[in-house]
């Protein structure tokens, strides 16, 4: 495991940076009308980076929490990873719902969906 060789904290930081960079790139990728098939390929590559980052981050984060937290607080602190995931899903759904209500369906499809990726980068 890479975390064993270079440190879990370093790998966790790297996966978070990769996730933030991939998220930003999704918001910045020009549409099909501008880039053609290259836009789809860039989107696929960004999503792959997000997926690999998430897969590497979760296990590493749980191990890091388990190794660095005092015994009496370990369960509570480890539960924060699950709660954070759920809160993130709820916040994301709420954000998209709110933006769709404010901007309307047409604006969300045209350009509004990019706002969510920029906001996600801000919180990363």
N, C-alpha and C. Protein backbone atom coordinates (compact mmCIF):
# COMPACT_ATOMS: atom_id res chain seq x y z
N UNK A 1 0.84 -1.17 0.00
CA UNK A 1 0.00 0.00 0.00
C UNK A 1 0.89 1.24 0.00
N UNK A 2 0.53 2.20 -0.78
CA UNK A 2 1.31 3.43 -0.92
C UNK A 2 1.39 4.19 0.40
N UNK A 3 0.31 4.17 1.19
CA UNK A 3 0.29 4.85 2.47
C UNK A 3 1.33 4.30 3.44
N UNK A 4 1.62 3.00 3.32
CA UNK A 4 2.64 2.39 4.18
C UNK A 4 4.04 2.87 3.80
N UNK A 5 4.24 3.17 2.55
CA UNK A 5 5.57 3.58 2.09
C UNK A 5 5.86 5.06 2.27
N UNK A 6 4.89 5.92 1.95
CA UNK A 6 5.18 7.36 2.02
C UNK A 6 4.35 8.09 3.08
N UNK A 7 3.52 7.34 3.80
CA UNK A 7 2.73 7.94 4.87
C UNK A 7 1.28 8.14 4.48
N UNK A 8 0.41 7.74 5.37
CA UNK A 8 -1.03 7.85 5.09
C UNK A 8 -1.48 9.29 4.93
N UNK A 9 -0.93 10.17 5.74
CA UNK A 9 -1.32 11.58 5.65
C UNK A 9 -0.94 12.16 4.29
N UNK A 10 0.24 11.82 3.79
CA UNK A 10 0.68 12.32 2.47
C UNK A 10 -0.21 11.78 1.35
N UNK A 11 -0.54 10.50 1.42
CA UNK A 11 -1.39 9.89 0.39
C UNK A 11 -2.80 10.47 0.46
N UNK A 12 -3.30 10.69 1.67
CA UNK A 12 -4.62 11.29 1.83
C UNK A 12 -4.65 12.69 1.23
N UNK A 13 -3.61 13.46 1.48
CA UNK A 13 -3.53 14.81 0.91
C UNK A 13 -3.47 14.74 -0.62
N UNK A 14 -2.69 13.81 -1.15
CA UNK A 14 -2.58 13.65 -2.61
C UNK A 14 -3.92 13.28 -3.24
N UNK A 15 -4.64 12.34 -2.63
CA UNK A 15 -5.93 11.95 -3.21
C UNK A 15 -6.93 13.10 -3.16
N UNK A 16 -6.87 13.90 -2.12
CA UNK A 16 -7.78 15.05 -2.04
C UNK A 16 -7.43 16.10 -3.10
N UNK A 17 -6.15 16.30 -3.34
CA UNK A 17 -5.74 17.24 -4.39
C UNK A 17 -6.16 16.73 -5.76
N UNK A 18 -5.98 15.43 -6.00
CA UNK A 18 -6.40 14.85 -7.28
C UNK A 18 -7.92 14.98 -7.46
N UNK A 19 -8.67 14.74 -6.39
CA UNK A 19 -10.12 14.86 -6.47
C UNK A 19 -10.53 16.30 -6.78
N UNK A 20 -9.90 17.26 -6.12
CA UNK A 20 -10.23 18.67 -6.36
C UNK A 20 -9.87 19.08 -7.78
N UNK A 21 -8.73 18.64 -8.27
CA UNK A 21 -8.31 18.98 -9.63
C UNK A 21 -9.26 18.37 -10.67
N UNK A 22 -9.65 17.13 -10.46
CA UNK A 22 -10.58 16.48 -11.39
C UNK A 22 -11.94 17.16 -11.36
N UNK A 23 -12.39 17.54 -10.16
CA UNK A 23 -13.68 18.23 -10.04
C UNK A 23 -13.65 19.57 -10.76
N UNK A 24 -12.59 20.33 -10.56
CA UNK A 24 -12.46 21.61 -11.26
C UNK A 24 -12.43 21.40 -12.77
N UNK A 25 -11.70 20.41 -13.22
CA UNK A 25 -11.60 20.20 -14.67
C UNK A 25 -12.94 19.85 -15.29
N UNK A 26 -13.80 19.14 -14.57
CA UNK A 26 -15.13 18.83 -15.10
C UNK A 26 -15.92 20.12 -15.32
N UNK A 27 -15.82 21.05 -14.39
CA UNK A 27 -16.52 22.32 -14.53
C UNK A 27 -15.96 23.19 -15.65
N UNK A 28 -14.69 22.98 -16.00
CA UNK A 28 -14.05 23.82 -17.01
C UNK A 28 -14.01 23.22 -18.41
N UNK A 29 -14.28 21.95 -18.55
CA UNK A 29 -14.21 21.31 -19.87
C UNK A 29 -15.25 21.94 -20.80
N UNK A 30 -14.81 22.42 -21.95
CA UNK A 30 -15.77 22.95 -22.94
C UNK A 30 -16.71 21.84 -23.42
N UNK A 31 -17.84 22.22 -23.94
CA UNK A 31 -18.83 21.25 -24.39
C UNK A 31 -18.46 20.57 -25.70
N UNK A 32 -19.31 19.63 -26.09
CA UNK A 32 -19.11 18.87 -27.32
C UNK A 32 -19.08 19.78 -28.55
N UNK A 33 -19.88 20.82 -28.55
CA UNK A 33 -19.93 21.73 -29.69
C UNK A 33 -18.59 22.41 -29.92
N UNK A 34 -17.81 22.59 -28.87
CA UNK A 34 -16.52 23.26 -28.98
C UNK A 34 -15.39 22.27 -29.27
N UNK A 35 -15.33 21.16 -28.52
CA UNK A 35 -14.20 20.23 -28.63
C UNK A 35 -14.52 18.93 -29.34
N UNK A 36 -15.79 18.66 -29.56
CA UNK A 36 -16.15 17.40 -30.20
C UNK A 36 -15.89 16.22 -29.27
N UNK A 37 -15.40 15.14 -29.82
CA UNK A 37 -15.17 13.91 -29.06
C UNK A 37 -14.13 14.11 -27.96
N UNK A 38 -13.24 15.08 -28.11
CA UNK A 38 -12.22 15.35 -27.09
C UNK A 38 -12.87 15.76 -25.77
N UNK A 39 -14.00 16.44 -25.82
CA UNK A 39 -14.70 16.83 -24.60
C UNK A 39 -15.16 15.60 -23.83
N UNK A 40 -15.67 14.62 -24.54
CA UNK A 40 -16.12 13.39 -23.90
C UNK A 40 -14.94 12.61 -23.31
N UNK A 41 -13.84 12.59 -24.02
CA UNK A 41 -12.65 11.88 -23.53
C UNK A 41 -12.10 12.58 -22.28
N UNK A 42 -12.05 13.90 -22.30
CA UNK A 42 -11.57 14.64 -21.13
C UNK A 42 -12.49 14.42 -19.92
N UNK A 43 -13.79 14.39 -20.16
CA UNK A 43 -14.74 14.13 -19.08
C UNK A 43 -14.53 12.73 -18.51
N UNK A 44 -14.35 11.75 -19.38
CA UNK A 44 -14.10 10.39 -18.91
C UNK A 44 -12.83 10.32 -18.08
N UNK A 45 -11.77 10.96 -18.53
CA UNK A 45 -10.51 10.96 -17.78
C UNK A 45 -10.67 11.63 -16.41
N UNK A 46 -11.39 12.74 -16.37
CA UNK A 46 -11.61 13.42 -15.09
C UNK A 46 -12.42 12.55 -14.15
N UNK A 47 -13.43 11.87 -14.66
CA UNK A 47 -14.25 10.98 -13.82
C UNK A 47 -13.43 9.79 -13.32
N UNK A 48 -12.52 9.28 -14.16
CA UNK A 48 -11.65 8.19 -13.72
C UNK A 48 -10.75 8.64 -12.57
N UNK A 49 -10.19 9.84 -12.70
CA UNK A 49 -9.35 10.38 -11.63
C UNK A 49 -10.17 10.54 -10.35
N UNK A 50 -11.39 11.04 -10.47
CA UNK A 50 -12.26 11.16 -9.30
C UNK A 50 -12.50 9.79 -8.66
N UNK A 51 -12.81 8.81 -9.46
CA UNK A 51 -13.10 7.47 -8.94
C UNK A 51 -11.90 6.84 -8.25
N UNK A 52 -10.74 6.94 -8.87
CA UNK A 52 -9.54 6.37 -8.25
C UNK A 52 -9.18 7.13 -6.98
N UNK A 53 -9.38 8.43 -6.98
CA UNK A 53 -9.09 9.24 -5.80
C UNK A 53 -10.01 8.87 -4.65
N UNK A 54 -11.28 8.72 -4.93
CA UNK A 54 -12.24 8.36 -3.89
C UNK A 54 -11.94 6.98 -3.33
N UNK A 55 -11.67 6.05 -4.20
CA UNK A 55 -11.35 4.68 -3.75
C UNK A 55 -10.11 4.65 -2.87
N UNK A 56 -9.12 5.42 -3.23
CA UNK A 56 -7.90 5.46 -2.43
C UNK A 56 -8.06 6.26 -1.16
N UNK A 57 -8.92 7.26 -1.20
CA UNK A 57 -9.07 8.15 -0.06
C UNK A 57 -9.82 7.49 1.09
N UNK A 58 -10.86 6.76 0.81
CA UNK A 58 -11.71 6.24 1.88
C UNK A 58 -10.97 5.26 2.78
N UNK A 59 -10.36 4.27 2.17
CA UNK A 59 -9.64 3.27 2.97
C UNK A 59 -8.48 3.91 3.72
N UNK A 60 -7.76 4.79 3.06
CA UNK A 60 -6.64 5.47 3.70
C UNK A 60 -7.09 6.37 4.84
N UNK A 61 -8.20 7.06 4.64
CA UNK A 61 -8.73 7.95 5.68
C UNK A 61 -9.17 7.14 6.89
N UNK A 62 -9.84 6.03 6.67
CA UNK A 62 -10.29 5.20 7.80
C UNK A 62 -9.10 4.63 8.56
N UNK A 63 -8.09 4.19 7.85
CA UNK A 63 -6.89 3.67 8.51
C UNK A 63 -6.17 4.77 9.27
N UNK A 64 -6.07 5.93 8.67
CA UNK A 64 -5.42 7.07 9.33
C UNK A 64 -6.15 7.44 10.62
N UNK A 65 -7.47 7.47 10.57
CA UNK A 65 -8.26 7.78 11.77
C UNK A 65 -8.03 6.72 12.84
N UNK A 66 -8.06 5.46 12.43
CA UNK A 66 -7.88 4.38 13.39
C UNK A 66 -6.49 4.40 14.03
N UNK A 67 -5.49 4.80 13.29
CA UNK A 67 -4.12 4.80 13.80
C UNK A 67 -3.79 6.03 14.65
N UNK A 68 -4.46 7.14 14.42
CA UNK A 68 -4.07 8.37 15.10
C UNK A 68 -5.02 8.83 16.20
N UNK A 69 -6.16 8.19 16.33
CA UNK A 69 -7.15 8.60 17.32
C UNK A 69 -6.99 7.78 18.60
N UNK A 70 -7.11 8.40 19.77
CA UNK A 70 -7.06 7.65 21.02
C UNK A 70 -8.15 6.58 21.06
N UNK A 71 -7.89 5.49 21.75
CA UNK A 71 -8.81 4.35 21.80
C UNK A 71 -10.24 4.73 22.16
N UNK A 72 -10.41 5.59 23.15
CA UNK A 72 -11.75 5.92 23.64
C UNK A 72 -12.56 6.77 22.65
N UNK A 73 -11.89 7.42 21.70
CA UNK A 73 -12.60 8.27 20.73
C UNK A 73 -12.60 7.68 19.33
N UNK A 74 -11.99 6.54 19.15
CA UNK A 74 -11.80 5.97 17.82
C UNK A 74 -13.11 5.71 17.08
N UNK A 75 -14.07 5.10 17.75
CA UNK A 75 -15.35 4.78 17.10
C UNK A 75 -16.08 6.05 16.69
N UNK A 76 -16.12 7.01 17.58
CA UNK A 76 -16.81 8.26 17.28
C UNK A 76 -16.14 8.98 16.11
N UNK A 77 -14.83 9.07 16.13
CA UNK A 77 -14.11 9.77 15.05
C UNK A 77 -14.25 9.04 13.72
N UNK A 78 -14.21 7.71 13.75
CA UNK A 78 -14.35 6.94 12.52
C UNK A 78 -15.76 7.11 11.94
N UNK A 79 -16.76 7.28 12.79
CA UNK A 79 -18.12 7.47 12.29
C UNK A 79 -18.25 8.79 11.53
N UNK A 80 -17.37 9.74 11.82
CA UNK A 80 -17.38 11.02 11.11
C UNK A 80 -17.17 10.87 9.62
N UNK A 81 -16.43 9.84 9.22
CA UNK A 81 -16.21 9.60 7.78
C UNK A 81 -17.52 9.24 7.09
N UNK A 82 -18.31 8.39 7.72
CA UNK A 82 -19.61 8.01 7.16
C UNK A 82 -20.59 9.18 7.21
N UNK A 83 -20.62 9.89 8.32
CA UNK A 83 -21.53 11.03 8.45
C UNK A 83 -21.16 12.10 7.42
N UNK A 84 -19.87 12.33 7.25
CA UNK A 84 -19.42 13.33 6.26
C UNK A 84 -19.84 12.97 4.85
N UNK A 85 -19.78 11.69 4.52
CA UNK A 85 -20.22 11.24 3.20
C UNK A 85 -21.70 11.50 3.01
N UNK A 86 -22.51 11.15 4.01
CA UNK A 86 -23.95 11.37 3.93
C UNK A 86 -24.29 12.85 3.85
N UNK A 87 -23.64 13.66 4.66
CA UNK A 87 -23.88 15.11 4.63
C UNK A 87 -23.51 15.68 3.26
N UNK A 88 -22.42 15.18 2.68
CA UNK A 88 -22.02 15.62 1.35
C UNK A 88 -23.06 15.30 0.29
N UNK A 89 -23.61 14.08 0.35
CA UNK A 89 -24.66 13.71 -0.60
C UNK A 89 -25.89 14.60 -0.45
N UNK A 90 -26.29 14.81 0.79
CA UNK A 90 -27.47 15.64 1.05
C UNK A 90 -27.23 17.08 0.61
N UNK A 91 -26.05 17.62 0.93
CA UNK A 91 -25.74 19.00 0.53
C UNK A 91 -25.69 19.14 -0.98
N UNK A 92 -25.11 18.15 -1.67
CA UNK A 92 -25.06 18.19 -3.12
C UNK A 92 -26.44 18.15 -3.76
N UNK A 93 -27.29 17.26 -3.25
CA UNK A 93 -28.66 17.18 -3.77
C UNK A 93 -29.42 18.46 -3.50
N UNK A 94 -29.23 19.01 -2.31
CA UNK A 94 -29.90 20.27 -1.97
C UNK A 94 -29.42 21.42 -2.83
N UNK A 95 -28.13 21.46 -3.11
CA UNK A 95 -27.57 22.51 -3.95
C UNK A 95 -28.12 22.44 -5.37
N UNK A 96 -28.15 21.25 -5.93
CA UNK A 96 -28.68 21.09 -7.29
C UNK A 96 -30.16 21.44 -7.33
N UNK A 97 -30.90 21.02 -6.32
CA UNK A 97 -32.33 21.36 -6.27
C UNK A 97 -32.54 22.87 -6.18
N UNK A 98 -31.76 23.51 -5.30
CA UNK A 98 -31.88 24.96 -5.15
C UNK A 98 -31.50 25.71 -6.41
N UNK A 99 -30.41 25.31 -7.05
CA UNK A 99 -29.99 25.97 -8.28
C UNK A 99 -31.00 25.77 -9.40
N UNK A 100 -31.56 24.56 -9.48
CA UNK A 100 -32.57 24.31 -10.51
C UNK A 100 -33.80 25.18 -10.28
N UNK A 101 -34.18 25.36 -9.03
CA UNK A 101 -35.31 26.22 -8.71
C UNK A 101 -35.01 27.68 -9.06
N UNK A 102 -33.80 28.13 -8.71
CA UNK A 102 -33.44 29.53 -8.98
C UNK A 102 -33.19 29.83 -10.46
N UNK A 103 -32.48 28.93 -11.13
CA UNK A 103 -32.07 29.20 -12.52
C UNK A 103 -33.05 28.67 -13.56
N UNK A 104 -33.77 27.64 -13.20
CA UNK A 104 -34.66 26.99 -14.17
C UNK A 104 -33.94 25.85 -14.87
N UNK A 105 -34.72 24.97 -15.48
CA UNK A 105 -34.16 23.78 -16.13
C UNK A 105 -33.23 24.11 -17.29
N UNK A 106 -33.62 25.05 -18.12
CA UNK A 106 -32.81 25.38 -19.30
C UNK A 106 -31.44 25.92 -18.92
N UNK A 107 -31.40 26.84 -17.98
CA UNK A 107 -30.11 27.41 -17.55
C UNK A 107 -29.25 26.36 -16.87
N UNK A 108 -29.85 25.46 -16.10
CA UNK A 108 -29.07 24.40 -15.45
C UNK A 108 -28.43 23.49 -16.47
N UNK A 109 -29.18 23.12 -17.50
CA UNK A 109 -28.64 22.25 -18.53
C UNK A 109 -27.55 22.96 -19.33
N UNK A 110 -27.76 24.23 -19.61
CA UNK A 110 -26.84 25.00 -20.45
C UNK A 110 -25.53 25.33 -19.74
N UNK A 111 -25.60 25.92 -18.56
CA UNK A 111 -24.38 26.35 -17.87
C UNK A 111 -24.43 26.21 -16.35
N UNK A 112 -25.59 26.12 -15.76
CA UNK A 112 -25.74 26.13 -14.31
C UNK A 112 -25.12 24.93 -13.61
N UNK A 113 -25.07 23.79 -14.29
CA UNK A 113 -24.50 22.60 -13.70
C UNK A 113 -23.03 22.80 -13.33
N UNK A 114 -22.34 23.70 -14.03
CA UNK A 114 -20.92 23.95 -13.75
C UNK A 114 -20.72 24.58 -12.38
N UNK A 115 -21.71 25.33 -11.89
CA UNK A 115 -21.60 26.00 -10.59
C UNK A 115 -21.33 24.97 -9.49
N UNK A 116 -21.99 23.84 -9.57
CA UNK A 116 -21.82 22.82 -8.52
C UNK A 116 -20.38 22.34 -8.44
N UNK A 117 -19.70 22.24 -9.57
CA UNK A 117 -18.31 21.78 -9.56
C UNK A 117 -17.37 22.84 -9.00
N UNK A 118 -17.68 24.09 -9.25
CA UNK A 118 -16.85 25.16 -8.69
C UNK A 118 -17.06 25.27 -7.18
N UNK A 119 -18.29 25.08 -6.73
CA UNK A 119 -18.55 25.11 -5.30
C UNK A 119 -17.89 23.91 -4.62
N UNK A 120 -17.93 22.76 -5.25
CA UNK A 120 -17.28 21.57 -4.70
C UNK A 120 -15.77 21.81 -4.56
N UNK A 121 -15.18 22.50 -5.51
CA UNK A 121 -13.75 22.79 -5.42
C UNK A 121 -13.47 23.70 -4.23
N UNK A 122 -14.34 24.65 -4.01
CA UNK A 122 -14.16 25.58 -2.90
C UNK A 122 -14.13 24.84 -1.56
N UNK A 123 -14.95 23.80 -1.42
CA UNK A 123 -15.03 23.06 -0.17
C UNK A 123 -13.95 22.00 -0.06
N UNK A 124 -13.24 21.72 -1.14
CA UNK A 124 -12.22 20.67 -1.10
C UNK A 124 -11.02 21.05 -0.27
